[in-house]
Amino acid sequence: MADLTVTQQPDSSRFEAHLDGELAGFIDYEAAGDVLDLTHTEVFPQFGGQGVGAKLVRGALDQIRQAEQTVIPTCPFIASYIDKHDDYADLLAA
């Protein structure tokens, strides 16, 4: 896979994945203090099957950890990702 970057867009309340400069997918969230409710993940069809979703979630969770925030994984894709990757369980909001 080419270079994938994940950036937070606070004005849009989402994390975006760009593949070679092109928007490939995003995670929508709702913020309440230091807790982000991750509500929806979408990868555009032309980028499907390339691991973009997993890399997007990992990139977002790493940035959330760095910002010392926690998450509510309302999105089933993100909830499943955290279930499969115990190293992110500490990010779950109490």
N, C-alpha and C. Protein backbone atom coordinates (compact mmCIF):
# COMPACT_ATOMS: atom_id res chain seq x y z
N MET A 1 0.84 -1.18 0.00
CA MET A 1 0.00 0.00 0.00
C MET A 1 0.88 1.24 0.00
N ALA A 2 0.44 2.23 -0.70
CA ALA A 2 1.15 3.51 -0.73
C ALA A 2 1.04 4.19 0.63
N ASP A 3 1.55 5.39 0.74
CA ASP A 3 1.55 6.10 2.01
C ASP A 3 0.15 6.50 2.44
N LEU A 4 -0.24 6.05 3.64
CA LEU A 4 -1.52 6.41 4.23
C LEU A 4 -1.25 7.30 5.42
N THR A 5 -1.89 8.44 5.46
CA THR A 5 -1.76 9.34 6.61
C THR A 5 -3.12 9.52 7.25
N VAL A 6 -3.11 9.62 8.58
CA VAL A 6 -4.33 9.85 9.34
C VAL A 6 -4.17 11.16 10.08
N THR A 7 -5.12 12.06 9.87
CA THR A 7 -5.08 13.36 10.54
C THR A 7 -6.42 13.64 11.20
N GLN A 8 -6.35 14.34 12.32
CA GLN A 8 -7.58 14.76 12.99
C GLN A 8 -8.01 16.11 12.43
N GLN A 9 -9.29 16.23 12.16
CA GLN A 9 -9.89 17.47 11.67
C GLN A 9 -10.91 17.94 12.71
N PRO A 10 -10.46 18.64 13.76
CA PRO A 10 -11.36 19.02 14.85
C PRO A 10 -12.56 19.86 14.39
N ASP A 11 -12.37 20.71 13.39
CA ASP A 11 -13.49 21.53 12.91
C ASP A 11 -14.60 20.70 12.29
N SER A 12 -14.25 19.52 11.79
CA SER A 12 -15.22 18.62 11.18
C SER A 12 -15.59 17.46 12.11
N SER A 13 -14.98 17.41 13.28
CA SER A 13 -15.19 16.32 14.25
C SER A 13 -14.97 14.96 13.59
N ARG A 14 -13.80 14.84 12.96
CA ARG A 14 -13.49 13.54 12.36
C ARG A 14 -11.99 13.38 12.15
N PHE A 15 -11.62 12.11 12.01
CA PHE A 15 -10.27 11.74 11.60
C PHE A 15 -10.38 11.35 10.13
N GLU A 16 -9.39 11.73 9.34
CA GLU A 16 -9.40 11.43 7.92
C GLU A 16 -8.17 10.61 7.54
N ALA A 17 -8.39 9.67 6.63
CA ALA A 17 -7.29 8.89 6.06
C ALA A 17 -7.09 9.36 4.63
N HIS A 18 -5.85 9.69 4.32
CA HIS A 18 -5.50 10.09 2.95
C HIS A 18 -4.48 9.09 2.42
N LEU A 19 -4.75 8.59 1.23
CA LEU A 19 -3.86 7.67 0.56
C LEU A 19 -3.29 8.39 -0.65
N ASP A 20 -1.99 8.63 -0.61
CA ASP A 20 -1.34 9.40 -1.67
C ASP A 20 -2.04 10.74 -1.91
N GLY A 21 -2.45 11.39 -0.82
CA GLY A 21 -3.08 12.70 -0.91
C GLY A 21 -4.56 12.70 -1.18
N GLU A 22 -5.14 11.54 -1.46
CA GLU A 22 -6.57 11.46 -1.76
C GLU A 22 -7.34 10.94 -0.54
N LEU A 23 -8.46 11.59 -0.23
CA LEU A 23 -9.28 11.16 0.90
C LEU A 23 -9.78 9.74 0.64
N ALA A 24 -9.43 8.83 1.55
CA ALA A 24 -9.79 7.42 1.39
C ALA A 24 -10.86 6.97 2.37
N GLY A 25 -11.02 7.68 3.48
CA GLY A 25 -12.01 7.32 4.48
C GLY A 25 -11.93 8.25 5.67
N PHE A 26 -12.86 8.03 6.61
CA PHE A 26 -12.90 8.90 7.78
C PHE A 26 -13.61 8.21 8.94
N ILE A 27 -13.39 8.76 10.14
CA ILE A 27 -14.10 8.38 11.36
C ILE A 27 -14.76 9.64 11.89
N ASP A 28 -16.07 9.61 12.05
CA ASP A 28 -16.79 10.71 12.69
C ASP A 28 -16.78 10.50 14.20
N TYR A 29 -16.73 11.59 14.94
CA TYR A 29 -16.80 11.49 16.40
C TYR A 29 -17.55 12.66 16.99
N GLU A 30 -17.99 12.46 18.24
CA GLU A 30 -18.59 13.52 19.04
C GLU A 30 -17.73 13.64 20.29
N ALA A 31 -17.29 14.85 20.57
CA ALA A 31 -16.40 15.07 21.72
C ALA A 31 -17.18 15.61 22.90
N ALA A 32 -16.84 15.08 24.08
CA ALA A 32 -17.38 15.58 25.35
C ALA A 32 -16.21 15.60 26.32
N GLY A 33 -15.58 16.77 26.44
CA GLY A 33 -14.38 16.86 27.27
C GLY A 33 -13.27 16.04 26.66
N ASP A 34 -12.71 15.12 27.47
CA ASP A 34 -11.61 14.28 27.01
C ASP A 34 -12.08 12.92 26.48
N VAL A 35 -13.39 12.80 26.23
CA VAL A 35 -13.95 11.55 25.72
C VAL A 35 -14.45 11.77 24.30
N LEU A 36 -14.00 10.89 23.39
CA LEU A 36 -14.48 10.95 22.01
C LEU A 36 -15.37 9.74 21.76
N ASP A 37 -16.61 10.00 21.37
CA ASP A 37 -17.53 8.95 20.97
C ASP A 37 -17.33 8.74 19.47
N LEU A 38 -16.71 7.64 19.12
CA LEU A 38 -16.40 7.34 17.72
C LEU A 38 -17.64 6.69 17.11
N THR A 39 -18.38 7.46 16.33
CA THR A 39 -19.72 7.06 15.91
C THR A 39 -19.81 6.34 14.57
N HIS A 40 -18.88 6.61 13.66
CA HIS A 40 -19.02 6.05 12.31
C HIS A 40 -17.67 6.00 11.61
N THR A 41 -17.41 4.89 10.96
CA THR A 41 -16.20 4.74 10.14
C THR A 41 -16.64 4.45 8.71
N GLU A 42 -16.01 5.12 7.78
CA GLU A 42 -16.32 4.88 6.37
C GLU A 42 -15.03 4.88 5.55
N VAL A 43 -14.91 3.86 4.71
CA VAL A 43 -13.83 3.78 3.72
C VAL A 43 -14.52 3.79 2.36
N PHE A 44 -14.06 4.65 1.49
CA PHE A 44 -14.68 4.76 0.18
C PHE A 44 -14.43 3.49 -0.63
N PRO A 45 -15.43 3.07 -1.43
CA PRO A 45 -15.38 1.77 -2.11
C PRO A 45 -14.10 1.52 -2.91
N GLN A 46 -13.57 2.52 -3.56
CA GLN A 46 -12.37 2.31 -4.38
C GLN A 46 -11.14 1.98 -3.54
N PHE A 47 -11.23 2.17 -2.22
CA PHE A 47 -10.10 1.86 -1.33
C PHE A 47 -10.37 0.61 -0.49
N GLY A 48 -11.49 -0.05 -0.73
CA GLY A 48 -11.85 -1.24 0.03
C GLY A 48 -10.87 -2.38 -0.19
N GLY A 49 -10.73 -3.23 0.80
CA GLY A 49 -9.89 -4.40 0.69
C GLY A 49 -8.39 -4.13 0.73
N GLN A 50 -8.01 -2.91 1.11
CA GLN A 50 -6.59 -2.55 1.15
C GLN A 50 -6.09 -2.30 2.58
N GLY A 51 -6.93 -2.58 3.57
CA GLY A 51 -6.51 -2.36 4.95
C GLY A 51 -6.63 -0.93 5.41
N VAL A 52 -7.29 -0.09 4.63
CA VAL A 52 -7.42 1.33 4.98
C VAL A 52 -8.19 1.50 6.29
N GLY A 53 -9.27 0.73 6.47
CA GLY A 53 -10.09 0.87 7.68
C GLY A 53 -9.29 0.60 8.94
N ALA A 54 -8.55 -0.49 8.95
CA ALA A 54 -7.75 -0.85 10.13
C ALA A 54 -6.67 0.19 10.40
N LYS A 55 -6.01 0.64 9.35
CA LYS A 55 -4.96 1.65 9.53
C LYS A 55 -5.54 2.98 9.97
N LEU A 56 -6.73 3.31 9.49
CA LEU A 56 -7.42 4.53 9.93
C LEU A 56 -7.74 4.45 11.42
N VAL A 57 -8.31 3.33 11.85
CA VAL A 57 -8.65 3.17 13.27
C VAL A 57 -7.40 3.22 14.13
N ARG A 58 -6.37 2.49 13.74
CA ARG A 58 -5.12 2.49 14.51
C ARG A 58 -4.53 3.89 14.60
N GLY A 59 -4.50 4.61 13.49
CA GLY A 59 -3.95 5.96 13.50
C GLY A 59 -4.74 6.90 14.39
N ALA A 60 -6.08 6.78 14.34
CA ALA A 60 -6.92 7.63 15.19
C ALA A 60 -6.71 7.28 16.67
N LEU A 61 -6.71 5.99 17.00
CA LEU A 61 -6.53 5.59 18.39
C LEU A 61 -5.16 6.00 18.92
N ASP A 62 -4.14 5.92 18.10
CA ASP A 62 -2.80 6.35 18.54
C ASP A 62 -2.80 7.85 18.84
N GLN A 63 -3.47 8.64 18.03
CA GLN A 63 -3.54 10.08 18.28
C GLN A 63 -4.36 10.39 19.52
N ILE A 64 -5.43 9.63 19.72
CA ILE A 64 -6.26 9.82 20.91
C ILE A 64 -5.45 9.49 22.17
N ARG A 65 -4.67 8.42 22.11
CA ARG A 65 -3.80 8.06 23.25
C ARG A 65 -2.80 9.17 23.52
N GLN A 66 -2.18 9.69 22.48
CA GLN A 66 -1.18 10.74 22.64
C GLN A 66 -1.80 11.99 23.27
N ALA A 67 -3.05 12.26 22.96
CA ALA A 67 -3.75 13.42 23.52
C ALA A 67 -4.32 13.14 24.91
N GLU A 68 -4.07 11.91 25.42
CA GLU A 68 -4.55 11.49 26.74
C GLU A 68 -6.07 11.60 26.85
N GLN A 69 -6.74 11.14 25.79
CA GLN A 69 -8.20 11.10 25.76
C GLN A 69 -8.64 9.63 25.81
N THR A 70 -9.95 9.44 25.98
CA THR A 70 -10.52 8.10 25.97
C THR A 70 -11.63 8.05 24.92
N VAL A 71 -12.12 6.83 24.66
CA VAL A 71 -13.11 6.65 23.60
C VAL A 71 -14.32 5.86 24.06
N ILE A 72 -15.42 6.12 23.38
CA ILE A 72 -16.61 5.27 23.41
C ILE A 72 -16.73 4.74 21.98
N PRO A 73 -16.55 3.44 21.76
CA PRO A 73 -16.57 2.91 20.40
C PRO A 73 -17.99 2.56 19.94
N THR A 74 -18.80 3.56 19.68
CA THR A 74 -20.17 3.33 19.21
C THR A 74 -20.17 2.63 17.86
N CYS A 75 -19.23 2.97 17.01
CA CYS A 75 -19.11 2.34 15.70
C CYS A 75 -18.72 0.86 15.88
N PRO A 76 -19.50 -0.07 15.32
CA PRO A 76 -19.18 -1.49 15.49
C PRO A 76 -17.82 -1.89 14.94
N PHE A 77 -17.37 -1.26 13.87
CA PHE A 77 -16.05 -1.58 13.31
C PHE A 77 -14.95 -1.24 14.31
N ILE A 78 -15.07 -0.09 14.96
CA ILE A 78 -14.06 0.32 15.94
C ILE A 78 -14.14 -0.55 17.18
N ALA A 79 -15.35 -0.87 17.63
CA ALA A 79 -15.51 -1.74 18.80
C ALA A 79 -14.86 -3.09 18.53
N SER A 80 -15.07 -3.64 17.34
CA SER A 80 -14.47 -4.92 16.97
C SER A 80 -12.95 -4.82 16.92
N TYR A 81 -12.45 -3.72 16.39
CA TYR A 81 -11.00 -3.53 16.30
C TYR A 81 -10.38 -3.53 17.70
N ILE A 82 -11.00 -2.80 18.63
CA ILE A 82 -10.47 -2.73 20.00
C ILE A 82 -10.56 -4.10 20.67
N ASP A 83 -11.65 -4.84 20.42
CA ASP A 83 -11.79 -6.19 20.98
C ASP A 83 -10.66 -7.11 20.51
N LYS A 84 -10.21 -6.93 19.27
CA LYS A 84 -9.17 -7.78 18.71
C LYS A 84 -7.76 -7.30 19.03
N HIS A 85 -7.65 -6.06 19.52
CA HIS A 85 -6.34 -5.47 19.82
C HIS A 85 -6.35 -4.95 21.26
N ASP A 86 -6.02 -5.87 22.18
CA ASP A 86 -6.08 -5.55 23.61
C ASP A 86 -5.25 -4.34 24.00
N ASP A 87 -4.23 -4.01 23.21
CA ASP A 87 -3.37 -2.90 23.57
C ASP A 87 -4.09 -1.56 23.48
N TYR A 88 -5.32 -1.54 22.96
CA TYR A 88 -6.11 -0.31 22.92
C TYR A 88 -7.24 -0.30 23.95
N ALA A 89 -7.39 -1.38 24.71
CA ALA A 89 -8.48 -1.47 25.69
C ALA A 89 -8.38 -0.38 26.76
N ASP A 90 -7.17 0.08 27.05
CA ASP A 90 -7.01 1.12 28.08
C ASP A 90 -7.61 2.46 27.63
N LEU A 91 -7.94 2.59 26.35
CA LEU A 91 -8.53 3.85 25.86
C LEU A 91 -10.03 3.92 26.08
N LEU A 92 -10.65 2.81 26.48
CA LEU A 92 -12.10 2.79 26.67
C LEU A 92 -12.49 3.66 27.86
N ALA A 93 -13.47 4.54 27.63
CA ALA A 93 -13.96 5.40 28.70
C ALA A 93 -14.64 4.55 29.77
N ALA A 94 -14.48 4.97 31.02
CA ALA A 94 -15.08 4.22 32.13
C ALA A 94 -16.59 4.29 32.10
